[in-house]
Amino acid sequence: MKAGAIVIAVLMFLTGAVWIGQGLGYIKGSFMTGSMLWFWIGCALVVGAVVIGGLTLTLSRRRERG
């Protein structure tokens, strides 16, 4: 469970980072390029990834301690 959640969080983070880059116009060649909607969706995905990753690591450490 822990490894799967971390993998999902990393994939979400990377996808969000790409969408932020496209939304800001740094990554060209897509219908998302230059659209601030994709910047905000990417930001939400990055925040979600950080929350999932943080919760997974925190809960796994608590379980190890007892």
Protein backbone atom coordinates (compact mmCIF):
# COMPACT_ATOMS: atom_id res chain seq x y z
CA MET A 1 0.00 0.00 0.00
CA LYS A 2 2.72 2.45 0.97
CA ALA A 3 4.78 1.93 -2.19
CA GLY A 4 1.72 2.23 -4.41
CA ALA A 5 0.63 5.49 -2.81
CA ILE A 6 4.13 6.94 -3.18
CA VAL A 7 4.26 5.95 -6.86
CA ILE A 8 0.87 7.56 -7.46
CA ALA A 9 1.98 10.72 -5.63
CA VAL A 10 5.17 10.97 -7.71
CA LEU A 11 3.25 10.47 -10.97
CA MET A 12 0.70 13.10 -9.90
CA PHE A 13 3.51 15.51 -9.03
CA LEU A 14 5.28 15.04 -12.36
CA THR A 15 2.05 15.35 -14.35
CA GLY A 16 1.11 18.49 -12.43
CA ALA A 17 4.54 19.98 -13.06
CA VAL A 18 4.17 19.38 -16.81
CA TRP A 19 0.71 20.94 -16.81
CA ILE A 20 2.05 23.97 -14.93
CA GLY A 21 4.80 24.33 -17.53
CA GLN A 22 2.30 24.06 -20.36
CA GLY A 23 -0.12 26.47 -18.74
CA LEU A 24 2.63 29.05 -18.36
CA GLY A 25 3.76 28.52 -21.95
CA TYR A 26 7.17 26.99 -21.14
CA ILE A 27 6.31 23.65 -22.78
CA LYS A 28 5.03 24.14 -26.30
CA GLY A 29 3.13 21.95 -28.75
CA SER A 30 -0.16 21.30 -27.02
CA PHE A 31 -3.63 22.78 -26.81
CA MET A 32 -2.79 23.42 -23.13
CA THR A 33 0.08 25.77 -23.97
CA GLY A 34 -0.54 29.24 -22.61
CA SER A 35 -3.84 28.35 -20.92
CA MET A 36 -3.97 29.43 -17.29
CA LEU A 37 -6.66 26.81 -16.65
CA TRP A 38 -4.01 24.10 -17.01
CA PHE A 39 -1.66 26.03 -14.75
CA TRP A 40 -4.24 25.96 -11.95
CA ILE A 41 -5.18 22.32 -12.58
CA GLY A 42 -1.46 21.47 -12.43
CA CYS A 43 -1.10 23.39 -9.16
CA ALA A 44 -4.01 21.46 -7.65
CA LEU A 45 -2.48 18.17 -8.78
CA VAL A 46 0.90 19.05 -7.26
CA VAL A 47 -0.72 20.03 -3.96
CA GLY A 48 -2.71 16.79 -3.96
CA ALA A 49 0.47 14.80 -4.62
CA VAL A 50 2.27 16.47 -1.74
CA VAL A 51 -0.66 15.78 0.59
CA ILE A 52 -0.90 12.11 -0.44
CA GLY A 53 2.85 11.61 -0.18
CA GLY A 54 3.09 13.39 3.15
CA LEU A 55 0.18 11.51 4.68
CA THR A 56 1.51 8.18 3.43
CA LEU A 57 4.95 8.77 4.91
CA THR A 58 3.57 10.13 8.18
CA LEU A 59 1.13 7.27 8.69
CA SER A 60 3.72 4.63 7.81
CA ARG A 61 6.17 6.08 10.37
CA ARG A 62 3.47 6.09 13.05
CA ARG A 63 2.67 2.43 12.35
CA GLU A 64 6.35 1.49 12.62
CA ARG A 65 6.64 3.13 16.06
CA GLY A 66 3.74 1.25 17.49
